[in-house]
Each structure stands twice: as structure tokens, then as C-alpha cells.
């Protein structure tokens, strides 16, 4: 459903949020290891997240990545998805057709539209703070 880059971006953002809640900045190597992602790929993803004002990139000897605590409840999953994958997840055909619409629907168009709408709602109403709390409490995890 999401691209691999988007999956890693969501994981990285949640991990950075957990660390930021504990007043820690986290480096690329730690993020890459924690989310089980190749370091170079993670660097590109973090660059996109920073460019889209989802995370902060601090340079220098005490640098790393962080999220302002006051912003965590304002950052929704939809912002991360949009920064990495764009809005194609909300528009794509369930069967992968390029030309699927209300006027020329594929066999699963109406049912898939419901799924897309529910996914959009979930992404827009789920914030980084609530996901980081579950991780911190050990109720969820970022890798196996």
C-alpha cells in the first residue's frame, strides 16, 4: 500500500518522536538501525521529512534529528505520506488501472473507494504523539 520509503519514513518519525519526548536527539545510524533500514536510504528519507518540516535536522557535534514536543500532536500520518509518496494512495485504482473513475469504474472501484476513504481518514486523524506513546509503553514496535 505504501512505498518502502514511506514505511521507513513513518517508522523513523515515530522513533524520533519517542526520543524527542525523552529530550534526546538521535543520529542517522541509530535511526537506521532502529527502523531496520539501509543508512543511505534512511538519509534520503530524513532529508525529505526535514524539507517538509516534519522533523528538525540539527547540524554540529551535538546535532541529530528531533521533533518539537509541541508539534507532535499536530503532525499526522497523512503529512508523512504526502511528503514521501504524494497523494496517489488516495487516487489509485484498486486493480492498478491508469484510467479508473466514477464514469469508467473498474470491477472493484466502489468497494475500493470506501477503503481509500477510510485510510485517508485514519491517516488524517492519527498523530505522531499517540503512536510514539504506544511505542514507549511497549504496546507497539518498529521492527521484528
C-alpha atoms as a PDB file:
ATOM      1  CA  UNK A   1       0.000   0.000   0.000  1.00  0.00           C
ATOM      2  CA  UNK A   2       2.748   2.483   0.984  1.00  0.00           C
ATOM      3  CA  UNK A   3       6.107   2.627  -0.742  1.00  0.00           C
ATOM      4  CA  UNK A   4       9.060   1.219   1.183  1.00  0.00           C
ATOM      5  CA  UNK A   5      10.345   4.781   1.602  1.00  0.00           C
ATOM      6  CA  UNK A   6       7.036   5.837   3.140  1.00  0.00           C
ATOM      7  CA  UNK A   7       7.032   2.878   5.537  1.00  0.00           C
ATOM      8  CA  UNK A   8      10.529   3.802   6.695  1.00  0.00           C
ATOM      9  CA  UNK A   9       9.541   7.472   6.969  1.00  0.00           C
ATOM     10  CA  UNK A  10       6.648   6.646   9.278  1.00  0.00           C
ATOM     11  CA  UNK A  11       8.855   4.379  11.397  1.00  0.00           C
ATOM     12  CA  UNK A  12      11.637   6.971  11.563  1.00  0.00           C
ATOM     13  CA  UNK A  13       9.266   9.766  12.539  1.00  0.00           C
ATOM     14  CA  UNK A  14       7.762   7.695  15.340  1.00  0.00           C
ATOM     15  CA  UNK A  15      11.202   6.710  16.627  1.00  0.00           C
ATOM     16  CA  UNK A  16      12.408  10.317  16.535  1.00  0.00           C
ATOM     17  CA  UNK A  17       9.244  11.368  18.408  1.00  0.00           C
ATOM     18  CA  UNK A  18       9.911   8.817  21.175  1.00  0.00           C
ATOM     19  CA  UNK A  19      13.470  10.046  21.536  1.00  0.00           C
ATOM     20  CA  UNK A  20      12.415  13.701  21.432  1.00  0.00           C
ATOM     21  CA  UNK A  21       9.904  13.077  24.211  1.00  0.00           C
ATOM     22  CA  UNK A  22      12.885  11.963  26.303  1.00  0.00           C
ATOM     23  CA  UNK A  23      14.806  15.124  25.293  1.00  0.00           C
ATOM     24  CA  UNK A  24      17.187  13.161  23.057  1.00  0.00           C
ATOM     25  CA  UNK A  25      18.345  13.976  19.570  1.00  0.00           C
ATOM     26  CA  UNK A  26      19.020  10.908  17.529  1.00  0.00           C
ATOM     27  CA  UNK A  27      21.557  10.319  14.770  1.00  0.00           C
ATOM     28  CA  UNK A  28      21.230   8.699  11.376  1.00  0.00           C
ATOM     29  CA  UNK A  29      22.950   5.447  12.392  1.00  0.00           C
ATOM     30  CA  UNK A  30      20.662   4.932  15.377  1.00  0.00           C
ATOM     31  CA  UNK A  31      17.540   5.669  13.338  1.00  0.00           C
ATOM     32  CA  UNK A  32      18.629   3.369  10.541  1.00  0.00           C
ATOM     33  CA  UNK A  33      19.339   0.548  12.980  1.00  0.00           C
ATOM     34  CA  UNK A  34      16.126   1.013  14.946  1.00  0.00           C
ATOM     35  CA  UNK A  35      13.853   1.007  11.897  1.00  0.00           C
ATOM     36  CA  UNK A  36      15.856  -1.680  10.078  1.00  0.00           C
ATOM     37  CA  UNK A  37      16.538   0.468   7.019  1.00  0.00           C
ATOM     38  CA  UNK A  38      19.701   0.941   4.923  1.00  0.00           C
ATOM     39  CA  UNK A  39      21.596   4.016   6.123  1.00  0.00           C
ATOM     40  CA  UNK A  40      21.874   5.795   2.754  1.00  0.00           C
ATOM     41  CA  UNK A  41      18.178   5.250   2.061  1.00  0.00           C
ATOM     42  CA  UNK A  42      17.299   6.475   5.550  1.00  0.00           C
ATOM     43  CA  UNK A  43      19.374   9.629   4.995  1.00  0.00           C
ATOM     44  CA  UNK A  44      17.364  10.492   1.869  1.00  0.00           C
ATOM     45  CA  UNK A  45      14.086   9.874   3.685  1.00  0.00           C
ATOM     46  CA  UNK A  46      15.134  12.029   6.637  1.00  0.00           C
ATOM     47  CA  UNK A  47      16.110  14.779   4.221  1.00  0.00           C
ATOM     48  CA  UNK A  48      12.601  14.734   2.731  1.00  0.00           C
ATOM     49  CA  UNK A  49      10.988  14.740   6.183  1.00  0.00           C
ATOM     50  CA  UNK A  50      13.131  17.698   7.229  1.00  0.00           C
ATOM     51  CA  UNK A  51      12.414  19.564   3.993  1.00  0.00           C
ATOM     52  CA  UNK A  52       8.682  19.120   4.682  1.00  0.00           C
ATOM     53  CA  UNK A  53       9.017  20.391   8.282  1.00  0.00           C
ATOM     54  CA  UNK A  54       8.033  17.088   9.856  1.00  0.00           C
ATOM     55  CA  UNK A  55      11.340  16.614  11.685  1.00  0.00           C
ATOM     56  CA  UNK A  56      14.151  19.011  12.561  1.00  0.00           C
ATOM     57  CA  UNK A  57      17.704  18.375  11.439  1.00  0.00           C
ATOM     58  CA  UNK A  58      20.296  19.900  13.773  1.00  0.00           C
ATOM     59  CA  UNK A  59      23.862  20.135  12.479  1.00  0.00           C
ATOM     60  CA  UNK A  60      27.057  20.066  14.503  1.00  0.00           C
ATOM     61  CA  UNK A  61      28.699  17.910  17.172  1.00  0.00           C
ATOM     62  CA  UNK A  62      25.521  17.728  19.276  1.00  0.00           C
ATOM     63  CA  UNK A  63      23.300  17.509  16.234  1.00  0.00           C
ATOM     64  CA  UNK A  64      20.857  14.914  15.087  1.00  0.00           C
ATOM     65  CA  UNK A  65      17.149  14.705  14.423  1.00  0.00           C
ATOM     66  CA  UNK A  66      14.301  15.772  16.665  1.00  0.00           C
ATOM     67  CA  UNK A  67      10.678  16.850  16.715  1.00  0.00           C
ATOM     68  CA  UNK A  68       9.472  19.718  18.885  1.00  0.00           C
ATOM     69  CA  UNK A  69       7.262  18.280  21.620  1.00  0.00           C
ATOM     70  CA  UNK A  70       4.603  20.900  20.980  1.00  0.00           C
ATOM     71  CA  UNK A  71       4.375  19.822  17.321  1.00  0.00           C
ATOM     72  CA  UNK A  72       3.962  16.069  17.851  1.00  0.00           C
ATOM     73  CA  UNK A  73       0.199  16.192  18.250  1.00  0.00           C
ATOM     74  CA  UNK A  74      -0.063  18.347  15.095  1.00  0.00           C
ATOM     75  CA  UNK A  75       1.896  16.005  12.810  1.00  0.00           C
ATOM     76  CA  UNK A  76      -0.488  13.499  11.246  1.00  0.00           C
ATOM     77  CA  UNK A  77       0.456  10.393   9.304  1.00  0.00           C
ATOM     78  CA  UNK A  78      -1.102  11.979   6.226  1.00  0.00           C
ATOM     79  CA  UNK A  79       1.641  14.646   6.251  1.00  0.00           C
ATOM     80  CA  UNK A  80       4.349  11.969   6.230  1.00  0.00           C
ATOM     81  CA  UNK A  81       2.634  10.040   3.436  1.00  0.00           C
ATOM     82  CA  UNK A  82       2.216  13.229   1.395  1.00  0.00           C
ATOM     83  CA  UNK A  83       5.882  14.195   1.902  1.00  0.00           C
ATOM     84  CA  UNK A  84       7.153  10.829   0.662  1.00  0.00           C
ATOM     85  CA  UNK A  85       4.509   9.295  -1.628  1.00  0.00           C
ATOM     86  CA  UNK A  86       2.306  12.245  -2.529  1.00  0.00           C
ATOM     87  CA  UNK A  87      -1.448  11.780  -2.833  1.00  0.00           C
ATOM     88  CA  UNK A  88      -1.500   8.773  -5.175  1.00  0.00           C
ATOM     89  CA  UNK A  89      -2.673   6.487  -2.369  1.00  0.00           C
ATOM     90  CA  UNK A  90      -5.943   8.430  -2.315  1.00  0.00           C
ATOM     91  CA  UNK A  91      -6.449   8.308  -6.079  1.00  0.00           C
ATOM     92  CA  UNK A  92      -5.119   4.941  -7.245  1.00  0.00           C
ATOM     93  CA  UNK A  93      -7.207   2.186  -8.740  1.00  0.00           C
ATOM     94  CA  UNK A  94      -7.646  -0.974  -6.682  1.00  0.00           C
ATOM     95  CA  UNK A  95      -6.642  -3.059  -9.688  1.00  0.00           C
ATOM     96  CA  UNK A  96      -3.858  -0.744 -10.831  1.00  0.00           C
ATOM     97  CA  UNK A  97      -5.587   0.630 -13.926  1.00  0.00           C
ATOM     98  CA  UNK A  98      -4.430   4.065 -15.073  1.00  0.00           C
ATOM     99  CA  UNK A  99      -7.912   5.087 -16.172  1.00  0.00           C
ATOM    100  CA  UNK A 100     -10.379   4.163 -13.460  1.00  0.00           C
ATOM    101  CA  UNK A 101     -13.022   6.723 -12.475  1.00  0.00           C
ATOM    102  CA  UNK A 102     -16.628   7.205 -11.485  1.00  0.00           C
ATOM    103  CA  UNK A 103     -17.509   7.335 -15.195  1.00  0.00           C
ATOM    104  CA  UNK A 104     -15.434   4.267 -16.132  1.00  0.00           C
ATOM    105  CA  UNK A 105     -15.038   2.232 -12.936  1.00  0.00           C
ATOM    106  CA  UNK A 106     -13.058  -0.986 -12.617  1.00  0.00           C
ATOM    107  CA  UNK A 107     -14.852  -4.009 -11.080  1.00  0.00           C
ATOM    108  CA  UNK A 108     -13.726  -3.082  -7.521  1.00  0.00           C
ATOM    109  CA  UNK A 109     -13.958   0.709  -7.860  1.00  0.00           C
ATOM    110  CA  UNK A 110     -16.863   1.320  -5.483  1.00  0.00           C
ATOM    111  CA  UNK A 111     -15.587  -1.051  -2.796  1.00  0.00           C
ATOM    112  CA  UNK A 112     -12.022   0.227  -3.063  1.00  0.00           C
ATOM    113  CA  UNK A 113     -13.199   3.833  -2.802  1.00  0.00           C
ATOM    114  CA  UNK A 114     -14.586   3.023   0.660  1.00  0.00           C
ATOM    115  CA  UNK A 115     -11.225   1.545   1.697  1.00  0.00           C
ATOM    116  CA  UNK A 116      -9.345   4.589   0.366  1.00  0.00           C
ATOM    117  CA  UNK A 117     -11.689   6.972   2.184  1.00  0.00           C
ATOM    118  CA  UNK A 118     -11.257   5.085   5.464  1.00  0.00           C
ATOM    119  CA  UNK A 119      -7.486   5.022   5.014  1.00  0.00           C
ATOM    120  CA  UNK A 120      -7.445   8.759   4.348  1.00  0.00           C
ATOM    121  CA  UNK A 121      -9.496   9.380   7.490  1.00  0.00           C
ATOM    122  CA  UNK A 122      -7.157   7.215   9.580  1.00  0.00           C
ATOM    123  CA  UNK A 123      -4.042   8.953   8.235  1.00  0.00           C
ATOM    124  CA  UNK A 124      -5.517  12.399   8.822  1.00  0.00           C
ATOM    125  CA  UNK A 125      -6.654  11.658  12.374  1.00  0.00           C
ATOM    126  CA  UNK A 126      -3.636   9.710  13.669  1.00  0.00           C
ATOM    127  CA  UNK A 127      -0.828  11.830  15.031  1.00  0.00           C
ATOM    128  CA  UNK A 128       2.800  11.111  15.827  1.00  0.00           C
ATOM    129  CA  UNK A 129       2.348  11.722  19.552  1.00  0.00           C
ATOM    130  CA  UNK A 130      -0.220   8.974  20.027  1.00  0.00           C
ATOM    131  CA  UNK A 131       1.873   6.487  18.047  1.00  0.00           C
ATOM    132  CA  UNK A 132       5.038   7.336  19.987  1.00  0.00           C
ATOM    133  CA  UNK A 133       3.262   6.793  23.310  1.00  0.00           C
ATOM    134  CA  UNK A 134       2.297   3.247  22.290  1.00  0.00           C
ATOM    135  CA  UNK A 135       5.887   2.527  21.307  1.00  0.00           C
ATOM    136  CA  UNK A 136       7.308   3.941  24.518  1.00  0.00           C
ATOM    137  CA  UNK A 137       4.900   1.843  26.609  1.00  0.00           C
ATOM    138  CA  UNK A 138       5.932  -1.296  24.721  1.00  0.00           C
ATOM    139  CA  UNK A 139       2.492  -1.777  23.210  1.00  0.00           C
ATOM    140  CA  UNK A 140       3.845  -1.443  19.666  1.00  0.00           C
ATOM    141  CA  UNK A 141       7.190  -1.960  17.917  1.00  0.00           C
ATOM    142  CA  UNK A 142       9.107  -0.647  14.888  1.00  0.00           C
ATOM    143  CA  UNK A 143      10.889  -3.819  13.767  1.00  0.00           C
ATOM    144  CA  UNK A 144      10.779  -7.522  14.379  1.00  0.00           C
END
